[in-house]
Amino acid sequence: MNLFCEGSVSTELDSGKFGIELTTDYPWGEVVRIKINEAAETSVLAARIPGWCKKYSVRLDGADAEYELKKGYVYFTGLKAGQVLELIFNMPVAVLEANPRIREDIGKVTVKRGPVVYCLEEADNGNDLHRIYLPKEAGFVSEFDAGLFEGAVVIRSSGKKLKQDDWCPDDLYREAADYGFEDVSLKWIPYYLWANRGEGEMTVWVNKGYNV
């Protein structure tokens, strides 16, 4: 099993009949439930542990399940009809940075939750997104927004925005001075949803603001 989307399957294997029903709201929710509808005594079920997942747990009928981990898959044997497996993938918000070889992204970070990469859009965060800095203690909060298209988890965090009101609009340069920042509230949406709410700025990478 590689893809975690709702559905059911019933098939005939060399070991006999095998059927499962999968329910989940992955990638927003952390739990994937697999109900065993048919299983021969020698049936083996293998489920992939995504590469992004650093912590997970597995339950069988509500109790810790026994399994064998091989090459990124958890293997189950001895399953019986009526049993329910639960894969629980821990999905904290992660801050990513790019390899310094990527010149355009050096000194910048982005955020990811589970398998989903996020971005900032002007529709939520105003213009001049290039002036946004993400502080070290950004205080991420994940919430499901049912009104965002067909529903998606959005991430809210604090941020800093470089002030520009002390610059003369006609000056391209000045002697170096300490930066001034204003506090802003940021709303991150899944990257795949951008460019659906009219024209505006978008950025995936923001300035790493661990010292602001």
N, C-alpha and C. Protein backbone atom coordinates (compact mmCIF):
# COMPACT_ATOMS: atom_id res chain seq x y z
N MET A 1 0.85 -1.18 0.00
CA MET A 1 0.00 0.00 0.00
C MET A 1 0.89 1.24 0.00
N ASN A 2 0.71 2.06 -1.07
CA ASN A 2 1.56 3.24 -1.21
C ASN A 2 0.80 4.55 -1.09
N LEU A 3 -0.45 4.58 -1.53
CA LEU A 3 -1.24 5.80 -1.53
C LEU A 3 -2.35 5.71 -0.49
N PHE A 4 -2.49 6.76 0.30
CA PHE A 4 -3.48 6.75 1.38
C PHE A 4 -4.67 7.63 1.00
N CYS A 5 -5.55 7.05 0.20
CA CYS A 5 -6.78 7.73 -0.19
C CYS A 5 -7.95 6.78 0.06
N GLU A 6 -9.11 7.35 0.34
CA GLU A 6 -10.25 6.53 0.72
C GLU A 6 -10.68 5.62 -0.43
N GLY A 7 -11.07 4.41 -0.09
CA GLY A 7 -11.52 3.46 -1.09
C GLY A 7 -11.50 2.05 -0.53
N SER A 8 -11.87 1.12 -1.36
CA SER A 8 -11.88 -0.28 -0.95
C SER A 8 -11.43 -1.15 -2.11
N VAL A 9 -10.95 -2.33 -1.78
CA VAL A 9 -10.51 -3.27 -2.80
C VAL A 9 -10.77 -4.69 -2.30
N SER A 10 -11.15 -5.54 -3.22
CA SER A 10 -11.32 -6.96 -2.93
C SER A 10 -10.71 -7.73 -4.09
N THR A 11 -9.79 -8.61 -3.80
CA THR A 11 -9.07 -9.28 -4.86
C THR A 11 -8.74 -10.71 -4.47
N GLU A 12 -8.35 -11.48 -5.45
CA GLU A 12 -7.95 -12.87 -5.24
C GLU A 12 -6.45 -12.97 -5.43
N LEU A 13 -5.74 -13.35 -4.36
CA LEU A 13 -4.29 -13.51 -4.41
C LEU A 13 -3.94 -15.00 -4.37
N ASP A 14 -2.66 -15.29 -4.55
CA ASP A 14 -2.22 -16.69 -4.45
C ASP A 14 -2.55 -17.27 -3.09
N SER A 15 -2.54 -16.40 -2.06
CA SER A 15 -2.82 -16.84 -0.70
C SER A 15 -4.31 -16.94 -0.40
N GLY A 16 -5.15 -16.44 -1.33
CA GLY A 16 -6.59 -16.47 -1.11
C GLY A 16 -7.21 -15.10 -1.28
N LYS A 17 -8.46 -14.94 -0.88
CA LYS A 17 -9.16 -13.67 -1.01
C LYS A 17 -8.61 -12.65 0.00
N PHE A 18 -8.54 -11.41 -0.46
CA PHE A 18 -8.07 -10.34 0.42
C PHE A 18 -8.84 -9.08 0.08
N GLY A 19 -9.40 -8.44 1.10
CA GLY A 19 -10.16 -7.22 0.87
C GLY A 19 -9.98 -6.24 2.02
N ILE A 20 -9.84 -4.96 1.70
CA ILE A 20 -9.69 -3.92 2.71
C ILE A 20 -10.54 -2.72 2.36
N GLU A 21 -10.84 -1.91 3.36
CA GLU A 21 -11.51 -0.63 3.18
C GLU A 21 -10.72 0.43 3.92
N LEU A 22 -10.35 1.49 3.22
CA LEU A 22 -9.49 2.52 3.79
C LEU A 22 -10.28 3.81 3.96
N THR A 23 -10.22 4.40 5.15
CA THR A 23 -10.85 5.71 5.40
C THR A 23 -9.81 6.64 6.03
N THR A 24 -9.80 7.89 5.56
CA THR A 24 -8.83 8.86 6.07
C THR A 24 -9.13 10.23 5.51
N ASP A 25 -8.64 11.28 6.16
CA ASP A 25 -8.64 12.62 5.55
C ASP A 25 -7.20 13.08 5.33
N TYR A 26 -6.30 12.12 5.20
CA TYR A 26 -4.92 12.39 4.80
C TYR A 26 -4.93 13.17 3.49
N PRO A 27 -4.11 14.19 3.27
CA PRO A 27 -2.94 14.54 4.08
C PRO A 27 -3.21 15.55 5.19
N TRP A 28 -4.48 15.88 5.45
CA TRP A 28 -4.77 16.85 6.52
C TRP A 28 -4.75 16.16 7.88
N GLY A 29 -5.36 14.99 7.97
CA GLY A 29 -5.39 14.25 9.22
C GLY A 29 -4.23 13.29 9.34
N GLU A 30 -3.93 12.92 10.57
CA GLU A 30 -2.76 12.07 10.83
C GLU A 30 -3.09 10.58 10.83
N VAL A 31 -4.38 10.22 10.79
CA VAL A 31 -4.77 8.82 10.97
C VAL A 31 -5.26 8.22 9.66
N VAL A 32 -4.75 7.04 9.34
CA VAL A 32 -5.22 6.23 8.21
C VAL A 32 -5.79 4.93 8.79
N ARG A 33 -7.07 4.68 8.57
CA ARG A 33 -7.73 3.48 9.09
C ARG A 33 -7.93 2.46 7.98
N ILE A 34 -7.52 1.24 8.25
CA ILE A 34 -7.61 0.16 7.27
C ILE A 34 -8.43 -0.97 7.89
N LYS A 35 -9.65 -1.15 7.41
CA LYS A 35 -10.48 -2.24 7.90
C LYS A 35 -10.26 -3.48 7.04
N ILE A 36 -10.01 -4.59 7.69
CA ILE A 36 -9.80 -5.84 6.98
C ILE A 36 -11.15 -6.50 6.75
N ASN A 37 -11.56 -6.63 5.49
CA ASN A 37 -12.83 -7.27 5.18
C ASN A 37 -12.67 -8.75 4.86
N GLU A 38 -11.57 -9.10 4.22
CA GLU A 38 -11.27 -10.49 3.89
C GLU A 38 -9.77 -10.70 4.03
N ALA A 39 -9.39 -11.85 4.54
CA ALA A 39 -7.95 -12.15 4.66
C ALA A 39 -7.75 -13.63 4.90
N ALA A 40 -6.87 -14.23 4.10
CA ALA A 40 -6.47 -15.61 4.34
C ALA A 40 -5.41 -15.65 5.44
N GLU A 41 -5.20 -16.79 6.02
CA GLU A 41 -4.26 -16.92 7.14
C GLU A 41 -2.85 -16.52 6.75
N THR A 42 -2.49 -16.74 5.48
CA THR A 42 -1.12 -16.45 5.04
C THR A 42 -0.97 -15.08 4.38
N SER A 43 -2.04 -14.27 4.42
CA SER A 43 -1.98 -12.95 3.78
C SER A 43 -0.97 -12.04 4.50
N VAL A 44 -0.32 -11.20 3.71
CA VAL A 44 0.62 -10.20 4.23
C VAL A 44 0.22 -8.83 3.70
N LEU A 45 0.12 -7.86 4.58
CA LEU A 45 -0.18 -6.49 4.19
C LEU A 45 1.02 -5.62 4.49
N ALA A 46 1.46 -4.86 3.49
CA ALA A 46 2.59 -3.94 3.66
C ALA A 46 2.09 -2.53 3.41
N ALA A 47 2.39 -1.60 4.32
CA ALA A 47 1.99 -0.20 4.18
C ALA A 47 3.23 0.68 4.26
N ARG A 48 3.29 1.66 3.37
CA ARG A 48 4.47 2.54 3.29
C ARG A 48 4.46 3.57 4.42
N ILE A 49 5.62 3.79 5.00
CA ILE A 49 5.82 4.90 5.93
C ILE A 49 6.46 6.02 5.12
N PRO A 50 5.75 7.15 4.92
CA PRO A 50 6.29 8.22 4.06
C PRO A 50 7.67 8.70 4.53
N GLY A 51 8.48 9.08 3.56
CA GLY A 51 9.82 9.53 3.90
C GLY A 51 9.86 10.77 4.76
N TRP A 52 8.82 11.61 4.68
CA TRP A 52 8.80 12.84 5.48
C TRP A 52 8.49 12.55 6.94
N CYS A 53 7.91 11.38 7.24
CA CYS A 53 7.40 11.09 8.58
C CYS A 53 8.53 10.61 9.50
N LYS A 54 8.80 11.39 10.54
CA LYS A 54 9.87 11.05 11.48
C LYS A 54 9.36 10.29 12.69
N LYS A 55 8.05 10.37 12.95
CA LYS A 55 7.48 9.68 14.11
C LYS A 55 6.10 9.17 13.74
N TYR A 56 5.85 7.91 14.05
CA TYR A 56 4.56 7.31 13.73
C TYR A 56 4.25 6.22 14.75
N SER A 57 3.00 5.79 14.76
CA SER A 57 2.60 4.66 15.60
C SER A 57 1.58 3.84 14.83
N VAL A 58 1.41 2.59 15.26
CA VAL A 58 0.51 1.67 14.57
C VAL A 58 -0.35 0.97 15.62
N ARG A 59 -1.67 0.96 15.39
CA ARG A 59 -2.58 0.29 16.31
C ARG A 59 -3.41 -0.75 15.57
N LEU A 60 -3.72 -1.81 16.26
CA LEU A 60 -4.60 -2.84 15.75
C LEU A 60 -5.73 -3.03 16.74
N ASP A 61 -6.95 -2.72 16.32
CA ASP A 61 -8.12 -2.77 17.20
C ASP A 61 -7.89 -1.98 18.49
N GLY A 62 -7.23 -0.84 18.36
CA GLY A 62 -7.06 0.06 19.49
C GLY A 62 -5.84 -0.19 20.35
N ALA A 63 -5.12 -1.26 20.11
CA ALA A 63 -3.91 -1.59 20.89
C ALA A 63 -2.68 -1.50 19.99
N ASP A 64 -1.51 -1.35 20.61
CA ASP A 64 -0.28 -1.31 19.83
C ASP A 64 -0.15 -2.57 18.98
N ALA A 65 0.16 -2.39 17.71
CA ALA A 65 0.23 -3.52 16.78
C ALA A 65 1.65 -4.04 16.65
N GLU A 66 1.76 -5.32 16.35
CA GLU A 66 3.05 -5.92 16.05
C GLU A 66 3.25 -5.88 14.53
N TYR A 67 4.45 -5.50 14.14
CA TYR A 67 4.74 -5.41 12.71
C TYR A 67 6.25 -5.54 12.51
N GLU A 68 6.62 -5.71 11.26
CA GLU A 68 8.04 -5.75 10.88
C GLU A 68 8.30 -4.60 9.93
N LEU A 69 9.33 -3.83 10.20
CA LEU A 69 9.69 -2.69 9.37
C LEU A 69 10.81 -3.09 8.41
N LYS A 70 10.53 -2.99 7.11
CA LYS A 70 11.52 -3.33 6.10
C LYS A 70 11.46 -2.32 4.96
N LYS A 71 12.59 -1.66 4.72
CA LYS A 71 12.76 -0.77 3.57
C LYS A 71 11.62 0.24 3.45
N GLY A 72 11.24 0.84 4.57
CA GLY A 72 10.24 1.89 4.55
C GLY A 72 8.80 1.41 4.58
N TYR A 73 8.58 0.12 4.76
CA TYR A 73 7.23 -0.43 4.84
C TYR A 73 7.05 -1.17 6.15
N VAL A 74 5.83 -1.10 6.70
CA VAL A 74 5.48 -1.91 7.85
C VAL A 74 4.68 -3.11 7.34
N TYR A 75 5.09 -4.31 7.76
CA TYR A 75 4.48 -5.55 7.29
C TYR A 75 3.65 -6.17 8.41
N PHE A 76 2.45 -6.64 8.03
CA PHE A 76 1.54 -7.26 8.99
C PHE A 76 1.16 -8.65 8.49
N THR A 77 1.15 -9.59 9.39
CA THR A 77 0.71 -10.95 9.08
C THR A 77 -0.35 -11.37 10.10
N GLY A 78 -1.08 -12.42 9.76
CA GLY A 78 -2.07 -12.95 10.68
C GLY A 78 -3.30 -12.08 10.85
N LEU A 79 -3.56 -11.18 9.91
CA LEU A 79 -4.72 -10.32 10.01
C LEU A 79 -6.00 -11.10 9.75
N LYS A 80 -7.08 -10.68 10.41
CA LYS A 80 -8.36 -11.38 10.29
C LYS A 80 -9.46 -10.39 9.90
N ALA A 81 -10.48 -10.92 9.24
CA ALA A 81 -11.61 -10.09 8.83
C ALA A 81 -12.25 -9.44 10.06
N GLY A 82 -12.55 -8.16 9.92
CA GLY A 82 -13.15 -7.41 11.01
C GLY A 82 -12.18 -6.58 11.80
N GLN A 83 -10.89 -6.88 11.69
CA GLN A 83 -9.90 -6.10 12.42
C GLN A 83 -9.67 -4.74 11.74
N VAL A 84 -9.22 -3.77 12.53
CA VAL A 84 -8.98 -2.42 12.01
C VAL A 84 -7.56 -2.00 12.38
N LEU A 85 -6.78 -1.71 11.35
CA LEU A 85 -5.43 -1.17 11.53
C LEU A 85 -5.50 0.35 11.47
N GLU A 86 -4.70 1.02 12.29
CA GLU A 86 -4.59 2.46 12.24
C GLU A 86 -3.12 2.85 12.15
N LEU A 87 -2.79 3.60 11.12
CA LEU A 87 -1.46 4.19 10.97
C LEU A 87 -1.58 5.64 11.38
N ILE A 88 -0.79 6.06 12.34
CA ILE A 88 -0.84 7.45 12.83
C ILE A 88 0.48 8.13 12.52
N PHE A 89 0.43 9.09 11.59
CA PHE A 89 1.62 9.81 11.17
C PHE A 89 1.67 11.17 11.88
N ASN A 90 2.70 11.39 12.66
CA ASN A 90 2.85 12.66 13.36
C ASN A 90 3.15 13.77 12.34
N MET A 91 2.37 14.88 12.40
CA MET A 91 2.50 15.95 11.41
C MET A 91 2.78 17.32 12.03
N PRO A 92 3.88 17.50 12.70
CA PRO A 92 4.20 18.85 13.17
C PRO A 92 4.62 19.73 12.00
N VAL A 93 4.47 21.04 12.16
CA VAL A 93 4.96 21.96 11.14
C VAL A 93 6.49 21.96 11.17
N ALA A 94 7.10 21.81 10.02
CA ALA A 94 8.56 21.78 9.92
C ALA A 94 9.03 23.00 9.13
N VAL A 95 10.12 23.58 9.57
CA VAL A 95 10.75 24.69 8.84
C VAL A 95 11.91 24.12 8.03
N LEU A 96 11.89 24.36 6.73
CA LEU A 96 12.92 23.83 5.83
C LEU A 96 13.80 24.94 5.30
N GLU A 97 15.04 24.60 5.03
CA GLU A 97 15.93 25.53 4.34
C GLU A 97 16.55 24.82 3.15
N ALA A 98 16.93 25.58 2.14
CA ALA A 98 17.47 25.01 0.91
C ALA A 98 18.99 24.87 0.99
N ASN A 99 19.49 23.98 0.17
CA ASN A 99 20.94 23.83 0.04
C ASN A 99 21.56 25.16 -0.37
N PRO A 100 22.65 25.59 0.26
CA PRO A 100 23.28 26.88 -0.09
C PRO A 100 23.69 26.98 -1.55
N ARG A 101 23.75 25.84 -2.25
CA ARG A 101 24.07 25.91 -3.67
C ARG A 101 22.95 26.57 -4.49
N ILE A 102 21.75 26.62 -3.91
CA ILE A 102 20.64 27.25 -4.60
C ILE A 102 20.70 28.75 -4.30
N ARG A 103 21.26 29.51 -5.18
CA ARG A 103 21.59 30.91 -4.91
C ARG A 103 20.36 31.74 -4.55
N GLU A 104 19.26 31.52 -5.25
CA GLU A 104 18.08 32.35 -5.02
C GLU A 104 17.44 32.11 -3.66
N ASP A 105 17.73 30.96 -3.04
CA ASP A 105 17.06 30.62 -1.78
C ASP A 105 17.98 30.66 -0.57
N ILE A 106 19.23 31.06 -0.75
CA ILE A 106 20.14 31.07 0.38
C ILE A 106 19.67 32.10 1.42
N GLY A 107 19.71 31.70 2.68
CA GLY A 107 19.25 32.57 3.75
C GLY A 107 17.74 32.63 3.88
N LYS A 108 17.04 31.70 3.23
CA LYS A 108 15.58 31.68 3.29
C LYS A 108 15.07 30.34 3.80
N VAL A 109 13.81 30.35 4.24
CA VAL A 109 13.18 29.14 4.77
C VAL A 109 11.75 29.06 4.25
N THR A 110 11.17 27.89 4.36
CA THR A 110 9.77 27.69 4.07
C THR A 110 9.20 26.73 5.09
N VAL A 111 7.89 26.49 5.04
CA VAL A 111 7.26 25.60 6.01
C VAL A 111 6.55 24.46 5.30
N LYS A 112 6.47 23.34 6.00
CA LYS A 112 5.85 22.13 5.47
C LYS A 112 5.13 21.43 6.61
N ARG A 113 4.00 20.82 6.30
CA ARG A 113 3.28 20.01 7.28
C ARG A 113 2.93 18.69 6.61
N GLY A 114 3.40 17.60 7.19
CA GLY A 114 3.20 16.31 6.53
C GLY A 114 3.86 16.33 5.16
N PRO A 115 3.14 15.89 4.13
CA PRO A 115 3.73 15.89 2.79
C PRO A 115 3.50 17.20 2.03
N VAL A 116 2.86 18.18 2.65
CA VAL A 116 2.41 19.38 1.94
C VAL A 116 3.33 20.57 2.21
N VAL A 117 3.84 21.17 1.15
CA VAL A 117 4.63 22.41 1.24
C VAL A 117 3.67 23.59 1.15
N TYR A 118 3.97 24.65 1.90
CA TYR A 118 3.08 25.81 1.99
C TYR A 118 3.71 27.05 1.37
N CYS A 119 2.88 28.05 1.16
CA CYS A 119 3.35 29.32 0.60
C CYS A 119 2.53 30.47 1.19
N LEU A 120 2.99 31.68 0.94
CA LEU A 120 2.28 32.90 1.31
C LEU A 120 1.73 33.54 0.05
N GLU A 121 0.48 34.00 0.11
CA GLU A 121 -0.11 34.73 -1.01
C GLU A 121 -0.50 36.13 -0.57
N GLU A 122 -0.47 37.03 -1.54
CA GLU A 122 -0.85 38.41 -1.27
C GLU A 122 -2.28 38.52 -0.77
N ALA A 123 -3.15 37.62 -1.21
CA ALA A 123 -4.55 37.66 -0.81
C ALA A 123 -4.72 37.58 0.70
N ASP A 124 -3.78 36.92 1.37
CA ASP A 124 -3.85 36.75 2.82
C ASP A 124 -2.89 37.65 3.58
N ASN A 125 -1.77 37.99 2.96
CA ASN A 125 -0.66 38.61 3.69
C ASN A 125 -0.23 39.97 3.17
N GLY A 126 -0.97 40.52 2.20
CA GLY A 126 -0.60 41.81 1.66
C GLY A 126 0.53 41.70 0.64
N ASN A 127 0.95 42.85 0.13
CA ASN A 127 2.00 42.85 -0.90
C ASN A 127 3.38 42.94 -0.28
N ASP A 128 4.36 43.04 -1.14
CA ASP A 128 5.78 43.12 -0.74
C ASP A 128 6.16 41.93 0.15
N LEU A 129 5.85 40.75 -0.32
CA LEU A 129 6.17 39.54 0.46
C LEU A 129 7.67 39.33 0.60
N HIS A 130 8.46 39.97 -0.25
CA HIS A 130 9.91 39.83 -0.16
C HIS A 130 10.46 40.47 1.12
N ARG A 131 9.63 41.28 1.80
CA ARG A 131 10.08 41.92 3.05
C ARG A 131 9.71 41.11 4.29
N ILE A 132 9.15 39.91 4.08
CA ILE A 132 8.74 39.07 5.21
C ILE A 132 9.93 38.28 5.76
N TYR A 133 10.04 38.23 7.09
CA TYR A 133 11.03 37.41 7.79
C TYR A 133 10.28 36.46 8.73
N LEU A 134 10.76 35.25 8.82
CA LEU A 134 10.16 34.27 9.73
C LEU A 134 11.04 34.14 10.97
N PRO A 135 10.56 34.58 12.13
CA PRO A 135 11.38 34.49 13.35
C PRO A 135 11.52 33.04 13.82
N LYS A 136 12.50 32.80 14.67
CA LYS A 136 12.76 31.44 15.14
C LYS A 136 11.57 30.90 15.92
N GLU A 137 10.97 31.71 16.76
CA GLU A 137 9.80 31.30 17.54
C GLU A 137 8.55 31.85 16.85
N ALA A 138 8.14 31.21 15.79
CA ALA A 138 7.04 31.74 14.99
C ALA A 138 5.67 31.33 15.54
N GLY A 139 5.61 30.30 16.37
CA GLY A 139 4.35 29.91 16.99
C GLY A 139 3.32 29.40 16.00
N PHE A 140 3.62 28.31 15.30
CA PHE A 140 2.74 27.78 14.27
C PHE A 140 1.45 27.19 14.86
N VAL A 141 0.33 27.47 14.19
CA VAL A 141 -0.96 26.88 14.54
C VAL A 141 -1.59 26.36 13.26
N SER A 142 -1.93 25.08 13.24
CA SER A 142 -2.58 24.47 12.08
C SER A 142 -4.08 24.40 12.33
N GLU A 143 -4.87 24.74 11.30
CA GLU A 143 -6.32 24.67 11.43
C GLU A 143 -6.95 24.35 10.08
N PHE A 144 -8.07 23.63 10.14
CA PHE A 144 -8.76 23.27 8.90
C PHE A 144 -9.68 24.41 8.49
N ASP A 145 -9.51 24.86 7.26
CA ASP A 145 -10.32 25.95 6.71
C ASP A 145 -11.28 25.35 5.68
N ALA A 146 -12.53 25.11 6.09
CA ALA A 146 -13.51 24.48 5.20
C ALA A 146 -13.88 25.39 4.04
N GLY A 147 -13.66 26.70 4.17
CA GLY A 147 -14.02 27.64 3.12
C GLY A 147 -12.96 27.83 2.07
N LEU A 148 -11.80 27.23 2.23
CA LEU A 148 -10.73 27.36 1.25
C LEU A 148 -10.89 26.27 0.20
N PHE A 149 -11.57 26.64 -0.89
CA PHE A 149 -11.90 25.69 -1.94
C PHE A 149 -12.68 24.51 -1.35
N GLU A 150 -12.21 23.29 -1.48
CA GLU A 150 -12.95 22.15 -0.93
C GLU A 150 -12.50 21.82 0.49
N GLY A 151 -11.74 22.72 1.10
CA GLY A 151 -11.26 22.52 2.46
C GLY A 151 -9.81 22.09 2.48
N ALA A 152 -9.04 22.73 3.36
CA ALA A 152 -7.62 22.41 3.47
C ALA A 152 -7.12 22.92 4.81
N VAL A 153 -6.03 22.33 5.28
CA VAL A 153 -5.38 22.81 6.50
C VAL A 153 -4.50 24.00 6.14
N VAL A 154 -4.71 25.11 6.84
CA VAL A 154 -3.85 26.27 6.69
C VAL A 154 -3.00 26.41 7.95
N ILE A 155 -1.92 27.14 7.84
CA ILE A 155 -1.00 27.34 8.97
C ILE A 155 -0.92 28.84 9.25
N ARG A 156 -1.05 29.19 10.50
CA ARG A 156 -0.89 30.58 10.92
C ARG A 156 0.37 30.70 11.78
N SER A 157 1.05 31.80 11.64
CA SER A 157 2.26 32.03 12.43
C SER A 157 2.48 33.52 12.58
N SER A 158 3.35 33.86 13.49
CA SER A 158 3.79 35.24 13.58
C SER A 158 4.90 35.47 12.56
N GLY A 159 5.15 36.72 12.26
CA GLY A 159 6.21 37.04 11.33
C GLY A 159 6.70 38.46 11.57
N LYS A 160 7.72 38.84 10.85
CA LYS A 160 8.26 40.19 10.88
C LYS A 160 8.31 40.72 9.45
N LYS A 161 7.99 42.00 9.31
CA LYS A 161 8.07 42.61 7.98
C LYS A 161 8.98 43.83 8.05
N LEU A 162 9.96 43.84 7.18
CA LEU A 162 10.94 44.93 7.14
C LEU A 162 10.24 46.24 6.81
N LYS A 163 10.45 47.24 7.66
CA LYS A 163 9.81 48.54 7.44
C LYS A 163 10.47 49.26 6.26
N GLN A 164 9.66 50.02 5.57
CA GLN A 164 10.16 50.77 4.43
C GLN A 164 9.77 52.25 4.51
N ASP A 165 9.03 52.62 5.56
CA ASP A 165 8.52 53.99 5.63
C ASP A 165 9.60 55.01 5.98
N ASP A 166 10.80 54.54 6.41
CA ASP A 166 11.87 55.49 6.71
C ASP A 166 12.81 55.69 5.52
N TRP A 167 12.41 55.15 4.38
CA TRP A 167 13.19 55.32 3.15
C TRP A 167 12.53 56.40 2.29
N CYS A 168 13.34 57.22 1.71
CA CYS A 168 12.84 58.14 0.69
C CYS A 168 12.49 57.32 -0.55
N PRO A 169 11.30 57.48 -1.11
CA PRO A 169 10.90 56.66 -2.26
C PRO A 169 11.85 56.75 -3.45
N ASP A 170 12.59 57.86 -3.57
CA ASP A 170 13.46 58.04 -4.73
C ASP A 170 14.88 57.53 -4.50
N ASP A 171 15.18 57.09 -3.28
CA ASP A 171 16.55 56.63 -2.98
C ASP A 171 16.67 55.13 -3.26
N LEU A 172 17.66 54.78 -4.07
CA LEU A 172 17.95 53.37 -4.29
C LEU A 172 18.91 52.83 -3.22
N TYR A 173 19.72 53.70 -2.64
CA TYR A 173 20.74 53.29 -1.69
C TYR A 173 20.82 54.29 -0.54
N ARG A 174 21.41 53.85 0.57
CA ARG A 174 21.72 54.73 1.68
C ARG A 174 22.81 54.06 2.49
N GLU A 175 23.40 54.78 3.42
CA GLU A 175 24.38 54.17 4.31
C GLU A 175 23.68 53.11 5.16
N ALA A 176 24.38 52.02 5.39
CA ALA A 176 23.78 50.90 6.11
C ALA A 176 23.36 51.31 7.51
N ALA A 177 22.18 50.84 7.91
CA ALA A 177 21.63 51.15 9.24
C ALA A 177 20.89 49.92 9.75
N ASP A 178 20.58 49.93 11.04
CA ASP A 178 19.83 48.81 11.60
C ASP A 178 18.45 48.73 10.96
N TYR A 179 18.02 47.50 10.74
CA TYR A 179 16.69 47.29 10.16
C TYR A 179 15.61 47.61 11.19
N GLY A 180 14.48 48.08 10.71
CA GLY A 180 13.30 48.23 11.54
C GLY A 180 12.23 47.25 11.07
N PHE A 181 11.53 46.62 12.01
CA PHE A 181 10.54 45.61 11.65
C PHE A 181 9.21 45.93 12.30
N GLU A 182 8.15 45.46 11.67
CA GLU A 182 6.83 45.48 12.27
C GLU A 182 6.35 44.03 12.42
N ASP A 183 5.56 43.78 13.47
CA ASP A 183 4.99 42.45 13.67
C ASP A 183 3.83 42.23 12.72
N VAL A 184 3.78 41.05 12.12
CA VAL A 184 2.69 40.70 11.22
C VAL A 184 2.21 39.29 11.53
N SER A 185 0.97 39.02 11.19
CA SER A 185 0.41 37.68 11.29
C SER A 185 0.39 37.07 9.90
N LEU A 186 0.93 35.87 9.78
CA LEU A 186 1.05 35.22 8.48
C LEU A 186 0.05 34.07 8.35
N LYS A 187 -0.49 33.92 7.16
CA LYS A 187 -1.35 32.79 6.83
C LYS A 187 -0.73 32.04 5.67
N TRP A 188 -0.36 30.79 5.94
CA TRP A 188 0.26 29.93 4.93
C TRP A 188 -0.81 29.01 4.36
N ILE A 189 -0.84 28.88 3.03
CA ILE A 189 -1.77 27.95 2.40
C ILE A 189 -0.98 26.90 1.63
N PRO A 190 -1.58 25.73 1.37
CA PRO A 190 -0.87 24.72 0.58
C PRO A 190 -0.43 25.29 -0.77
N TYR A 191 0.79 24.98 -1.14
CA TYR A 191 1.37 25.55 -2.36
C TYR A 191 0.52 25.25 -3.59
N TYR A 192 -0.09 24.07 -3.63
CA TYR A 192 -0.82 23.68 -4.83
C TYR A 192 -2.08 24.54 -5.05
N LEU A 193 -2.51 25.30 -4.05
CA LEU A 193 -3.72 26.09 -4.16
C LEU A 193 -3.48 27.53 -4.62
N TRP A 194 -2.25 27.93 -4.80
CA TRP A 194 -2.01 29.33 -5.12
C TRP A 194 -2.49 29.67 -6.54
N ALA A 195 -2.67 30.98 -6.78
CA ALA A 195 -3.08 31.51 -8.09
C ALA A 195 -4.53 31.15 -8.43
N ASN A 196 -5.36 30.97 -7.43
CA ASN A 196 -6.78 30.69 -7.65
C ASN A 196 -7.69 31.78 -7.10
N ARG A 197 -7.11 32.87 -6.59
CA ARG A 197 -7.93 33.93 -6.00
C ARG A 197 -7.57 35.30 -6.58
N GLY A 198 -7.31 35.31 -7.87
CA GLY A 198 -6.98 36.56 -8.53
C GLY A 198 -5.48 36.79 -8.61
N GLU A 199 -5.10 37.86 -9.28
CA GLU A 199 -3.69 38.19 -9.44
C GLU A 199 -3.10 38.69 -8.13
N GLY A 200 -1.86 38.37 -7.89
CA GLY A 200 -1.19 38.82 -6.67
C GLY A 200 0.12 38.11 -6.48
N GLU A 201 0.88 38.57 -5.51
CA GLU A 201 2.18 37.98 -5.22
C GLU A 201 2.04 36.62 -4.53
N MET A 202 3.06 35.82 -4.69
CA MET A 202 3.17 34.54 -3.98
C MET A 202 4.63 34.27 -3.73
N THR A 203 4.94 33.69 -2.58
CA THR A 203 6.29 33.23 -2.32
C THR A 203 6.26 31.97 -1.48
N VAL A 204 7.16 31.07 -1.78
CA VAL A 204 7.35 29.87 -0.97
C VAL A 204 8.44 30.12 0.07
N TRP A 205 9.50 30.79 -0.36
CA TRP A 205 10.65 31.03 0.50
C TRP A 205 10.61 32.44 1.08
N VAL A 206 10.80 32.53 2.40
CA VAL A 206 10.87 33.83 3.06
C VAL A 206 12.21 33.95 3.78
N ASN A 207 12.54 35.16 4.16
CA ASN A 207 13.82 35.42 4.81
C ASN A 207 13.88 34.73 6.17
N LYS A 208 15.01 34.12 6.45
CA LYS A 208 15.23 33.49 7.75
C LYS A 208 15.53 34.58 8.76
N GLY A 209 14.61 34.77 9.70
CA GLY A 209 14.73 35.88 10.62
C GLY A 209 15.01 35.46 12.03
N TYR A 210 15.97 34.57 12.24
CA TYR A 210 16.24 34.04 13.57
C TYR A 210 16.84 35.08 14.51
N ASN A 211 17.26 36.22 13.98
CA ASN A 211 17.85 37.26 14.83
C ASN A 211 16.98 38.51 14.90
N VAL A 212 15.72 38.40 14.46
CA VAL A 212 14.86 39.59 14.48
C VAL A 212 13.72 39.36 15.46
